[in-house]
Amino acid sequence: MNNSLIKGENNKMNEKSRISNIKIEGGRLIFKNFQGKENLPYNKEGDRNVGVLLDDELAEQLKADGWHVKYRPPRQDDGYEQPWLSVKVKYGMYPPTIVLINSNGKIRLTEETVGQLDWTQIQKADMIIRPYEYPAMLDKNGKEIRPAGIAAYIKSLYVTVQEDDLAAKYADIPDLMPTAGEVEEVPFN
């Protein structure tokens, strides 16, 4: 996994941001919820997000900058807690570029099609994550009820699919069904 902070490339939504975008190449995604399905207490309906594993060095840099880095509990006897970052997937004023890649080529996923990533076996994921710095929230008496922080959003994500042997074997055979918006005659009448 190749991780880095992209110095000098700030969040376009907030030009005064001191926090850089993050570039992760060959990353591993966990807790995929591109469909935005409700899964209380973790996800409200419509909240699309995904977790990305971090190496220890990047995790420490991000924590120092104020990102909310989380840790998975140890799975083995070594006691290692894997750092990860929860990343939001929002289609609004600044929609992400999300591209699915397989042996046939690549296709840009839309808000309507990105949900297929929830069940897709992913070989690797290259991404740029943009920060959004949010202020502390105060109640009417001035008491802090939520500290300031940094939310992570997908800016771009290129996902390479882990294809099985049969998918690779038959990859060059055209599909019989037309793609969206096309009308063709079925060849077997």
N, C-alpha and C. Protein backbone atom coordinates (compact mmCIF):
# COMPACT_ATOMS: atom_id res chain seq x y z
N MET A 1 0.86 -1.17 0.00
CA MET A 1 0.00 0.00 0.00
C MET A 1 0.90 1.23 0.00
N ASN A 2 0.60 2.17 -0.87
CA ASN A 2 1.37 3.41 -0.98
C ASN A 2 0.46 4.55 -0.55
N ASN A 3 0.78 5.18 0.57
CA ASN A 3 -0.03 6.27 1.12
C ASN A 3 0.77 7.55 1.13
N SER A 4 0.10 8.67 0.91
CA SER A 4 0.79 9.94 1.03
C SER A 4 -0.20 11.08 1.20
N LEU A 5 0.29 12.14 1.83
CA LEU A 5 -0.47 13.38 1.88
C LEU A 5 -0.06 14.18 0.66
N ILE A 6 -1.01 14.79 -0.01
CA ILE A 6 -0.73 15.55 -1.21
C ILE A 6 -0.55 17.00 -0.80
N LYS A 7 0.67 17.40 -0.60
CA LYS A 7 0.98 18.76 -0.14
C LYS A 7 0.59 19.77 -1.22
N GLY A 8 0.00 20.88 -0.77
CA GLY A 8 -0.34 21.95 -1.70
C GLY A 8 -1.66 21.76 -2.42
N GLU A 9 -2.26 20.57 -2.34
CA GLU A 9 -3.56 20.35 -2.98
C GLU A 9 -4.62 20.35 -1.90
N ASN A 10 -5.22 21.48 -1.69
CA ASN A 10 -6.20 21.64 -0.62
C ASN A 10 -7.60 21.37 -1.12
N ASN A 11 -8.46 21.20 -0.17
CA ASN A 11 -9.87 21.01 -0.41
C ASN A 11 -10.42 22.24 -1.13
N LYS A 12 -11.02 22.06 -2.30
CA LYS A 12 -11.54 23.17 -3.10
C LYS A 12 -12.73 23.86 -2.42
N MET A 13 -13.42 23.14 -1.53
CA MET A 13 -14.57 23.73 -0.85
C MET A 13 -14.12 24.77 0.18
N ASN A 14 -12.90 24.63 0.67
CA ASN A 14 -12.42 25.53 1.71
C ASN A 14 -10.97 25.88 1.38
N GLU A 15 -10.76 26.91 0.60
CA GLU A 15 -9.42 27.28 0.14
C GLU A 15 -8.48 27.64 1.29
N LYS A 16 -9.02 27.97 2.46
CA LYS A 16 -8.19 28.31 3.60
C LYS A 16 -7.74 27.08 4.37
N SER A 17 -8.11 25.92 3.92
CA SER A 17 -7.78 24.68 4.62
C SER A 17 -6.28 24.49 4.73
N ARG A 18 -5.84 24.07 5.90
CA ARG A 18 -4.43 23.75 6.10
C ARG A 18 -4.19 22.25 5.92
N ILE A 19 -5.23 21.50 5.76
CA ILE A 19 -5.15 20.05 5.69
C ILE A 19 -5.09 19.62 4.23
N SER A 20 -4.16 18.73 3.91
CA SER A 20 -3.97 18.26 2.54
C SER A 20 -4.86 17.05 2.24
N ASN A 21 -5.10 16.85 0.94
CA ASN A 21 -5.75 15.62 0.49
C ASN A 21 -4.84 14.44 0.79
N ILE A 22 -5.41 13.25 0.83
CA ILE A 22 -4.66 12.02 1.05
C ILE A 22 -4.73 11.19 -0.22
N LYS A 23 -3.60 10.65 -0.67
CA LYS A 23 -3.60 9.72 -1.80
C LYS A 23 -3.19 8.35 -1.28
N ILE A 24 -4.01 7.36 -1.58
CA ILE A 24 -3.72 5.98 -1.20
C ILE A 24 -3.77 5.13 -2.46
N GLU A 25 -2.69 4.43 -2.74
CA GLU A 25 -2.62 3.53 -3.89
C GLU A 25 -2.49 2.10 -3.39
N GLY A 26 -3.24 1.20 -4.00
CA GLY A 26 -3.20 -0.20 -3.59
C GLY A 26 -3.87 -0.41 -2.24
N GLY A 27 -4.84 0.44 -1.92
CA GLY A 27 -5.50 0.38 -0.63
C GLY A 27 -6.49 -0.76 -0.52
N ARG A 28 -6.88 -1.04 0.73
CA ARG A 28 -7.85 -2.08 1.01
C ARG A 28 -9.07 -1.46 1.68
N LEU A 29 -10.25 -1.74 1.12
CA LEU A 29 -11.50 -1.18 1.63
C LEU A 29 -12.17 -2.16 2.57
N ILE A 30 -12.75 -1.62 3.64
CA ILE A 30 -13.50 -2.43 4.61
C ILE A 30 -14.82 -1.73 4.89
N PHE A 31 -15.74 -2.44 5.49
CA PHE A 31 -17.03 -1.86 5.90
C PHE A 31 -17.69 -1.09 4.76
N LYS A 32 -17.78 -1.71 3.59
CA LYS A 32 -18.32 -1.03 2.41
C LYS A 32 -19.82 -0.81 2.55
N ASN A 33 -20.25 0.43 2.36
CA ASN A 33 -21.67 0.78 2.34
C ASN A 33 -21.90 1.86 1.29
N PHE A 34 -21.61 1.50 0.03
CA PHE A 34 -21.80 2.43 -1.08
C PHE A 34 -23.29 2.62 -1.40
N GLN A 35 -24.12 1.65 -1.01
CA GLN A 35 -25.56 1.77 -1.25
C GLN A 35 -26.22 2.74 -0.28
N GLY A 36 -25.62 2.94 0.86
CA GLY A 36 -26.21 3.81 1.88
C GLY A 36 -27.31 3.12 2.65
N LYS A 37 -27.17 1.81 2.86
CA LYS A 37 -28.19 1.07 3.61
C LYS A 37 -28.08 1.36 5.10
N GLU A 38 -29.23 1.38 5.73
CA GLU A 38 -29.27 1.59 7.17
C GLU A 38 -28.70 0.37 7.88
N ASN A 39 -27.84 0.62 8.86
CA ASN A 39 -27.26 -0.44 9.68
C ASN A 39 -26.96 0.20 11.03
N LEU A 40 -28.02 0.39 11.81
CA LEU A 40 -27.87 1.08 13.10
C LEU A 40 -27.06 0.22 14.06
N PRO A 41 -26.21 0.77 14.87
CA PRO A 41 -26.02 2.19 15.14
C PRO A 41 -24.97 2.83 14.25
N TYR A 42 -24.47 2.12 13.24
CA TYR A 42 -23.36 2.62 12.43
C TYR A 42 -23.78 3.54 11.29
N ASN A 43 -24.85 3.22 10.58
CA ASN A 43 -25.25 3.99 9.40
C ASN A 43 -26.72 4.32 9.44
N LYS A 44 -27.03 5.59 9.14
CA LYS A 44 -28.41 5.97 8.91
C LYS A 44 -28.72 5.70 7.43
N GLU A 45 -29.98 5.50 7.10
CA GLU A 45 -30.40 5.30 5.71
C GLU A 45 -29.91 6.46 4.86
N GLY A 46 -29.23 6.13 3.75
CA GLY A 46 -28.75 7.14 2.82
C GLY A 46 -27.32 7.58 3.05
N ASP A 47 -26.73 7.22 4.19
CA ASP A 47 -25.34 7.60 4.47
C ASP A 47 -24.40 6.59 3.82
N ARG A 48 -23.78 7.00 2.71
CA ARG A 48 -22.84 6.13 1.99
C ARG A 48 -21.44 6.37 2.58
N ASN A 49 -20.74 5.27 2.85
CA ASN A 49 -19.39 5.39 3.38
C ASN A 49 -18.63 4.10 3.21
N VAL A 50 -17.34 4.18 3.46
CA VAL A 50 -16.46 3.02 3.34
C VAL A 50 -15.27 3.26 4.27
N GLY A 51 -14.70 2.19 4.76
CA GLY A 51 -13.49 2.28 5.56
C GLY A 51 -12.29 1.96 4.69
N VAL A 52 -11.17 2.62 4.96
CA VAL A 52 -9.92 2.32 4.25
C VAL A 52 -8.84 2.07 5.29
N LEU A 53 -8.12 0.96 5.11
CA LEU A 53 -7.03 0.63 6.03
C LEU A 53 -5.86 1.58 5.80
N LEU A 54 -5.19 1.93 6.88
CA LEU A 54 -4.05 2.85 6.83
C LEU A 54 -2.80 2.15 7.34
N ASP A 55 -1.64 2.60 6.87
CA ASP A 55 -0.42 2.12 7.51
C ASP A 55 -0.18 2.98 8.75
N ASP A 56 0.67 2.50 9.64
CA ASP A 56 0.88 3.18 10.93
C ASP A 56 1.42 4.60 10.77
N GLU A 57 2.33 4.80 9.82
CA GLU A 57 2.93 6.12 9.63
C GLU A 57 1.88 7.15 9.20
N LEU A 58 1.08 6.82 8.21
CA LEU A 58 0.04 7.75 7.75
C LEU A 58 -0.99 7.97 8.85
N ALA A 59 -1.35 6.91 9.57
CA ALA A 59 -2.33 7.05 10.66
C ALA A 59 -1.85 8.08 11.69
N GLU A 60 -0.58 8.03 12.04
CA GLU A 60 -0.03 8.98 13.02
C GLU A 60 -0.04 10.41 12.47
N GLN A 61 0.30 10.58 11.18
CA GLN A 61 0.27 11.90 10.56
C GLN A 61 -1.16 12.46 10.58
N LEU A 62 -2.13 11.61 10.21
CA LEU A 62 -3.51 12.06 10.16
C LEU A 62 -4.03 12.42 11.55
N LYS A 63 -3.73 11.60 12.54
CA LYS A 63 -4.14 11.91 13.91
C LYS A 63 -3.57 13.25 14.37
N ALA A 64 -2.31 13.50 14.04
CA ALA A 64 -1.67 14.76 14.43
C ALA A 64 -2.35 15.95 13.78
N ASP A 65 -2.91 15.76 12.58
CA ASP A 65 -3.61 16.84 11.88
C ASP A 65 -5.07 17.00 12.34
N GLY A 66 -5.58 16.02 13.11
CA GLY A 66 -6.94 16.12 13.61
C GLY A 66 -7.96 15.21 12.96
N TRP A 67 -7.52 14.30 12.07
CA TRP A 67 -8.44 13.34 11.46
C TRP A 67 -8.86 12.33 12.53
N HIS A 68 -10.05 11.76 12.36
CA HIS A 68 -10.57 10.78 13.32
C HIS A 68 -10.17 9.37 12.86
N VAL A 69 -8.96 8.96 13.19
CA VAL A 69 -8.46 7.63 12.84
C VAL A 69 -9.00 6.64 13.86
N LYS A 70 -9.51 5.52 13.36
CA LYS A 70 -10.05 4.47 14.23
C LYS A 70 -9.12 3.26 14.18
N TYR A 71 -9.33 2.33 15.11
CA TYR A 71 -8.49 1.13 15.18
C TYR A 71 -9.38 -0.11 15.29
N ARG A 72 -9.07 -1.10 14.44
CA ARG A 72 -9.77 -2.38 14.54
C ARG A 72 -9.16 -3.17 15.69
N PRO A 73 -9.99 -3.87 16.44
CA PRO A 73 -9.44 -4.69 17.52
C PRO A 73 -8.54 -5.79 16.94
N PRO A 74 -7.56 -6.23 17.73
CA PRO A 74 -6.66 -7.28 17.23
C PRO A 74 -7.43 -8.53 16.85
N ARG A 75 -7.03 -9.15 15.73
CA ARG A 75 -7.68 -10.39 15.28
C ARG A 75 -6.82 -11.60 15.58
N GLN A 76 -5.55 -11.36 15.87
CA GLN A 76 -4.64 -12.47 16.12
C GLN A 76 -3.89 -12.23 17.42
N ASP A 77 -3.07 -13.17 17.77
CA ASP A 77 -2.34 -13.10 19.03
C ASP A 77 -1.30 -11.99 19.09
N ASP A 78 -1.00 -11.34 17.95
CA ASP A 78 0.05 -10.33 17.95
C ASP A 78 -0.37 -9.01 18.61
N GLY A 79 -1.66 -8.83 18.87
CA GLY A 79 -2.14 -7.64 19.54
C GLY A 79 -2.17 -6.39 18.68
N TYR A 80 -1.94 -6.52 17.36
CA TYR A 80 -1.89 -5.37 16.47
C TYR A 80 -3.29 -4.83 16.21
N GLU A 81 -3.46 -3.54 16.44
CA GLU A 81 -4.72 -2.86 16.14
C GLU A 81 -4.54 -2.09 14.84
N GLN A 82 -5.23 -2.54 13.79
CA GLN A 82 -5.10 -1.95 12.44
C GLN A 82 -5.79 -0.60 12.37
N PRO A 83 -5.05 0.47 12.01
CA PRO A 83 -5.69 1.78 11.86
C PRO A 83 -6.51 1.84 10.57
N TRP A 84 -7.61 2.57 10.63
CA TRP A 84 -8.45 2.77 9.45
C TRP A 84 -9.17 4.11 9.57
N LEU A 85 -9.68 4.54 8.42
CA LEU A 85 -10.37 5.83 8.33
C LEU A 85 -11.72 5.62 7.68
N SER A 86 -12.76 6.16 8.29
CA SER A 86 -14.09 6.12 7.70
C SER A 86 -14.20 7.28 6.70
N VAL A 87 -14.61 6.96 5.47
CA VAL A 87 -14.66 7.95 4.39
C VAL A 87 -16.09 8.03 3.85
N LYS A 88 -16.60 9.24 3.74
CA LYS A 88 -17.96 9.46 3.23
C LYS A 88 -17.96 9.48 1.71
N VAL A 89 -19.07 9.02 1.15
CA VAL A 89 -19.28 9.05 -0.30
C VAL A 89 -20.52 9.90 -0.53
N LYS A 90 -20.32 11.14 -0.96
CA LYS A 90 -21.44 12.08 -1.13
C LYS A 90 -21.55 12.53 -2.58
N TYR A 91 -22.77 12.48 -3.08
CA TYR A 91 -23.06 13.02 -4.41
C TYR A 91 -23.87 14.29 -4.20
N GLY A 92 -23.25 15.38 -4.37
CA GLY A 92 -23.91 16.67 -4.19
C GLY A 92 -23.22 17.68 -5.06
N MET A 93 -22.83 18.79 -4.46
CA MET A 93 -22.17 19.85 -5.22
C MET A 93 -20.81 19.40 -5.78
N TYR A 94 -20.12 18.54 -5.04
CA TYR A 94 -18.80 18.05 -5.46
C TYR A 94 -18.83 16.52 -5.53
N PRO A 95 -19.47 15.94 -6.55
CA PRO A 95 -19.58 14.47 -6.60
C PRO A 95 -18.21 13.83 -6.83
N PRO A 96 -18.02 12.64 -6.28
CA PRO A 96 -16.75 11.95 -6.48
C PRO A 96 -16.66 11.33 -7.86
N THR A 97 -15.44 11.08 -8.29
CA THR A 97 -15.19 10.27 -9.49
C THR A 97 -14.91 8.87 -8.99
N ILE A 98 -15.78 7.91 -9.32
CA ILE A 98 -15.59 6.53 -8.90
C ILE A 98 -15.61 5.67 -10.16
N VAL A 99 -14.52 4.92 -10.38
CA VAL A 99 -14.33 4.15 -11.60
C VAL A 99 -14.07 2.69 -11.25
N LEU A 100 -14.79 1.79 -11.95
CA LEU A 100 -14.62 0.35 -11.79
C LEU A 100 -13.77 -0.15 -12.95
N ILE A 101 -12.73 -0.93 -12.64
CA ILE A 101 -11.80 -1.42 -13.66
C ILE A 101 -11.77 -2.94 -13.63
N ASN A 102 -11.92 -3.54 -14.84
CA ASN A 102 -11.73 -4.98 -14.97
C ASN A 102 -10.94 -5.25 -16.26
N SER A 103 -10.82 -6.51 -16.65
CA SER A 103 -9.99 -6.85 -17.81
C SER A 103 -10.55 -6.30 -19.12
N ASN A 104 -11.82 -5.91 -19.15
CA ASN A 104 -12.42 -5.34 -20.36
C ASN A 104 -12.17 -3.85 -20.50
N GLY A 105 -11.84 -3.19 -19.41
CA GLY A 105 -11.66 -1.74 -19.44
C GLY A 105 -12.14 -1.12 -18.15
N LYS A 106 -12.67 0.10 -18.26
CA LYS A 106 -13.14 0.80 -17.08
C LYS A 106 -14.47 1.47 -17.37
N ILE A 107 -15.22 1.71 -16.30
CA ILE A 107 -16.51 2.39 -16.41
C ILE A 107 -16.69 3.28 -15.18
N ARG A 108 -17.15 4.50 -15.43
CA ARG A 108 -17.42 5.42 -14.33
C ARG A 108 -18.75 5.06 -13.70
N LEU A 109 -18.76 4.93 -12.39
CA LEU A 109 -19.98 4.60 -11.67
C LEU A 109 -20.70 5.88 -11.28
N THR A 110 -22.01 5.81 -11.26
CA THR A 110 -22.85 6.96 -10.91
C THR A 110 -23.44 6.74 -9.53
N GLU A 111 -24.18 7.71 -9.07
CA GLU A 111 -24.87 7.59 -7.79
C GLU A 111 -25.81 6.38 -7.80
N GLU A 112 -26.37 6.08 -8.97
CA GLU A 112 -27.30 4.96 -9.08
C GLU A 112 -26.58 3.60 -9.19
N THR A 113 -25.35 3.58 -9.66
CA THR A 113 -24.65 2.30 -9.88
C THR A 113 -23.53 2.01 -8.89
N VAL A 114 -23.13 2.98 -8.08
CA VAL A 114 -21.99 2.79 -7.17
C VAL A 114 -22.25 1.72 -6.11
N GLY A 115 -23.50 1.44 -5.82
CA GLY A 115 -23.84 0.43 -4.81
C GLY A 115 -23.33 -0.95 -5.11
N GLN A 116 -23.04 -1.24 -6.39
CA GLN A 116 -22.53 -2.57 -6.74
C GLN A 116 -21.17 -2.86 -6.11
N LEU A 117 -20.46 -1.82 -5.68
CA LEU A 117 -19.17 -2.04 -5.02
C LEU A 117 -19.31 -2.75 -3.67
N ASP A 118 -20.51 -2.72 -3.08
CA ASP A 118 -20.72 -3.38 -1.79
C ASP A 118 -20.49 -4.88 -1.87
N TRP A 119 -20.78 -5.49 -3.00
CA TRP A 119 -20.60 -6.95 -3.12
C TRP A 119 -19.49 -7.33 -4.10
N THR A 120 -18.82 -6.36 -4.67
CA THR A 120 -17.73 -6.62 -5.60
C THR A 120 -16.47 -7.01 -4.84
N GLN A 121 -15.80 -8.08 -5.31
CA GLN A 121 -14.51 -8.44 -4.73
C GLN A 121 -13.46 -7.53 -5.32
N ILE A 122 -12.78 -6.79 -4.48
CA ILE A 122 -11.85 -5.76 -4.91
C ILE A 122 -10.41 -6.23 -4.76
N GLN A 123 -9.67 -6.12 -5.84
CA GLN A 123 -8.25 -6.48 -5.83
C GLN A 123 -7.44 -5.35 -5.20
N LYS A 124 -7.71 -4.12 -5.65
CA LYS A 124 -7.03 -2.95 -5.08
C LYS A 124 -7.86 -1.72 -5.32
N ALA A 125 -7.57 -0.70 -4.53
CA ALA A 125 -8.29 0.57 -4.64
C ALA A 125 -7.29 1.71 -4.55
N ASP A 126 -7.30 2.58 -5.56
CA ASP A 126 -6.48 3.79 -5.56
C ASP A 126 -7.44 4.96 -5.35
N MET A 127 -7.09 5.85 -4.44
CA MET A 127 -8.05 6.91 -4.12
C MET A 127 -7.38 8.19 -3.66
N ILE A 128 -8.13 9.27 -3.82
CA ILE A 128 -7.77 10.54 -3.21
C ILE A 128 -8.93 10.90 -2.29
N ILE A 129 -8.58 11.20 -1.05
CA ILE A 129 -9.55 11.55 -0.02
C ILE A 129 -9.37 13.03 0.30
N ARG A 130 -10.47 13.75 0.27
CA ARG A 130 -10.39 15.19 0.57
C ARG A 130 -10.92 15.45 1.98
N PRO A 131 -10.32 16.40 2.66
CA PRO A 131 -10.77 16.74 4.01
C PRO A 131 -11.85 17.81 3.99
N TYR A 132 -12.68 17.79 5.00
CA TYR A 132 -13.58 18.90 5.25
C TYR A 132 -13.47 19.21 6.75
N GLU A 133 -12.97 20.37 7.05
CA GLU A 133 -12.81 20.77 8.44
C GLU A 133 -14.13 21.38 8.93
N TYR A 134 -14.66 20.80 9.99
CA TYR A 134 -15.91 21.34 10.54
C TYR A 134 -15.64 21.94 11.92
N PRO A 135 -16.39 22.99 12.25
CA PRO A 135 -16.17 23.68 13.53
C PRO A 135 -16.80 22.91 14.69
N ALA A 136 -16.39 23.29 15.87
CA ALA A 136 -17.02 22.74 17.06
C ALA A 136 -18.47 23.20 17.11
N MET A 137 -19.32 22.38 17.71
CA MET A 137 -20.73 22.74 17.86
C MET A 137 -20.96 23.09 19.33
N LEU A 138 -21.60 24.22 19.54
CA LEU A 138 -21.86 24.69 20.89
C LEU A 138 -23.35 24.72 21.16
N ASP A 139 -23.72 24.48 22.41
CA ASP A 139 -25.13 24.63 22.76
C ASP A 139 -25.42 26.12 23.00
N LYS A 140 -26.64 26.47 23.36
CA LYS A 140 -27.02 27.88 23.50
C LYS A 140 -26.28 28.58 24.64
N ASN A 141 -25.69 27.80 25.54
CA ASN A 141 -24.92 28.39 26.65
C ASN A 141 -23.43 28.47 26.35
N GLY A 142 -23.05 28.08 25.15
CA GLY A 142 -21.64 28.13 24.77
C GLY A 142 -20.83 26.90 25.14
N LYS A 143 -21.49 25.89 25.67
CA LYS A 143 -20.79 24.65 26.05
C LYS A 143 -20.61 23.79 24.79
N GLU A 144 -19.40 23.27 24.63
CA GLU A 144 -19.10 22.43 23.46
C GLU A 144 -19.82 21.09 23.56
N ILE A 145 -20.63 20.79 22.52
CA ILE A 145 -21.32 19.50 22.49
C ILE A 145 -20.74 18.58 21.40
N ARG A 146 -19.91 19.16 20.52
CA ARG A 146 -19.17 18.37 19.54
C ARG A 146 -17.89 19.13 19.23
N PRO A 147 -16.74 18.46 19.37
CA PRO A 147 -15.49 19.16 19.07
C PRO A 147 -15.31 19.37 17.57
N ALA A 148 -14.47 20.31 17.22
CA ALA A 148 -14.11 20.52 15.81
C ALA A 148 -13.39 19.27 15.32
N GLY A 149 -13.40 19.05 14.03
CA GLY A 149 -12.74 17.87 13.49
C GLY A 149 -12.62 17.93 11.98
N ILE A 150 -12.24 16.80 11.42
CA ILE A 150 -12.06 16.69 9.98
C ILE A 150 -12.86 15.48 9.50
N ALA A 151 -13.74 15.71 8.54
CA ALA A 151 -14.47 14.62 7.90
C ALA A 151 -13.75 14.25 6.61
N ALA A 152 -13.74 12.98 6.29
CA ALA A 152 -13.06 12.48 5.09
C ALA A 152 -14.11 12.17 4.01
N TYR A 153 -13.85 12.64 2.78
CA TYR A 153 -14.74 12.41 1.65
C TYR A 153 -13.95 11.85 0.47
N ILE A 154 -14.56 10.92 -0.26
CA ILE A 154 -13.94 10.41 -1.49
C ILE A 154 -13.94 11.53 -2.53
N LYS A 155 -12.78 11.85 -3.05
CA LYS A 155 -12.67 12.78 -4.19
C LYS A 155 -12.62 11.95 -5.47
N SER A 156 -11.74 10.96 -5.49
CA SER A 156 -11.69 10.02 -6.62
C SER A 156 -11.31 8.64 -6.11
N LEU A 157 -11.87 7.62 -6.76
CA LEU A 157 -11.64 6.24 -6.36
C LEU A 157 -11.62 5.37 -7.62
N TYR A 158 -10.53 4.66 -7.81
CA TYR A 158 -10.37 3.73 -8.93
C TYR A 158 -10.24 2.34 -8.34
N VAL A 159 -11.24 1.50 -8.60
CA VAL A 159 -11.33 0.18 -8.00
C VAL A 159 -11.06 -0.89 -9.06
N THR A 160 -10.05 -1.72 -8.82
CA THR A 160 -9.75 -2.84 -9.72
C THR A 160 -10.41 -4.08 -9.14
N VAL A 161 -11.23 -4.73 -9.98
CA VAL A 161 -12.01 -5.90 -9.57
C VAL A 161 -11.13 -7.14 -9.55
N GLN A 162 -11.34 -7.98 -8.55
CA GLN A 162 -10.69 -9.29 -8.48
C GLN A 162 -11.57 -10.24 -9.29
N GLU A 163 -11.16 -10.56 -10.52
CA GLU A 163 -11.95 -11.42 -11.38
C GLU A 163 -11.59 -12.88 -11.15
N ASP A 164 -12.60 -13.74 -11.23
CA ASP A 164 -12.30 -15.17 -11.11
C ASP A 164 -11.89 -15.73 -12.47
N ASP A 165 -11.47 -16.99 -12.51
CA ASP A 165 -10.96 -17.61 -13.73
C ASP A 165 -11.99 -17.59 -14.87
N LEU A 166 -13.26 -17.82 -14.55
CA LEU A 166 -14.28 -17.85 -15.61
C LEU A 166 -14.57 -16.45 -16.16
N ALA A 167 -14.57 -15.46 -15.29
CA ALA A 167 -14.79 -14.09 -15.76
C ALA A 167 -13.68 -13.69 -16.73
N ALA A 168 -12.45 -14.08 -16.42
CA ALA A 168 -11.32 -13.77 -17.30
C ALA A 168 -11.42 -14.56 -18.61
N LYS A 169 -11.84 -15.82 -18.52
CA LYS A 169 -11.94 -16.68 -19.70
C LYS A 169 -12.96 -16.14 -20.71
N TYR A 170 -14.09 -15.64 -20.21
CA TYR A 170 -15.17 -15.20 -21.10
C TYR A 170 -15.25 -13.67 -21.24
N ALA A 171 -14.22 -12.97 -20.82
CA ALA A 171 -14.25 -11.51 -20.84
C ALA A 171 -14.39 -10.91 -22.23
N ASP A 172 -13.87 -11.59 -23.26
CA ASP A 172 -13.90 -11.02 -24.61
C ASP A 172 -15.17 -11.34 -25.38
N ILE A 173 -16.11 -12.07 -24.79
CA ILE A 173 -17.38 -12.39 -25.44
C ILE A 173 -18.38 -11.27 -25.12
N PRO A 174 -18.98 -10.66 -26.16
CA PRO A 174 -19.90 -9.54 -25.91
C PRO A 174 -21.17 -9.99 -25.17
N ASP A 175 -21.73 -9.08 -24.39
CA ASP A 175 -22.98 -9.34 -23.69
C ASP A 175 -24.14 -9.33 -24.68
N LEU A 176 -25.18 -10.13 -24.42
CA LEU A 176 -26.36 -10.15 -25.27
C LEU A 176 -27.33 -9.02 -24.93
N MET A 177 -27.35 -8.63 -23.67
CA MET A 177 -28.28 -7.59 -23.24
C MET A 177 -27.71 -6.23 -23.61
N PRO A 178 -28.57 -5.33 -24.09
CA PRO A 178 -28.09 -3.98 -24.41
C PRO A 178 -27.77 -3.21 -23.14
N THR A 179 -26.93 -2.22 -23.28
CA THR A 179 -26.65 -1.35 -22.14
C THR A 179 -27.79 -0.35 -22.02
N ALA A 180 -27.84 0.36 -20.94
CA ALA A 180 -28.93 1.29 -20.66
C ALA A 180 -29.11 2.27 -21.81
N GLY A 181 -30.33 2.44 -22.26
CA GLY A 181 -30.64 3.40 -23.30
C GLY A 181 -30.57 2.85 -24.72
N GLU A 182 -29.98 1.67 -24.89
CA GLU A 182 -29.90 1.07 -26.23
C GLU A 182 -31.01 0.04 -26.39
N VAL A 183 -31.45 -0.15 -27.63
CA VAL A 183 -32.45 -1.17 -27.93
C VAL A 183 -31.89 -2.03 -29.04
N GLU A 184 -31.86 -3.33 -28.81
CA GLU A 184 -31.37 -4.26 -29.81
C GLU A 184 -32.36 -5.40 -29.92
N GLU A 185 -32.30 -6.09 -31.06
CA GLU A 185 -33.10 -7.29 -31.21
C GLU A 185 -32.37 -8.43 -30.54
N VAL A 186 -33.12 -9.31 -29.88
CA VAL A 186 -32.52 -10.48 -29.26
C VAL A 186 -32.15 -11.44 -30.37
N PRO A 187 -30.91 -11.95 -30.42
CA PRO A 187 -30.46 -12.76 -31.55
C PRO A 187 -31.08 -14.15 -31.61
N PHE A 188 -31.77 -14.60 -30.53
CA PHE A 188 -32.32 -15.95 -30.52
C PHE A 188 -33.84 -15.90 -30.59
N ASN A 189 -34.40 -15.81 -31.80
CA ASN A 189 -35.87 -15.78 -31.95
C ASN A 189 -36.38 -17.09 -32.43
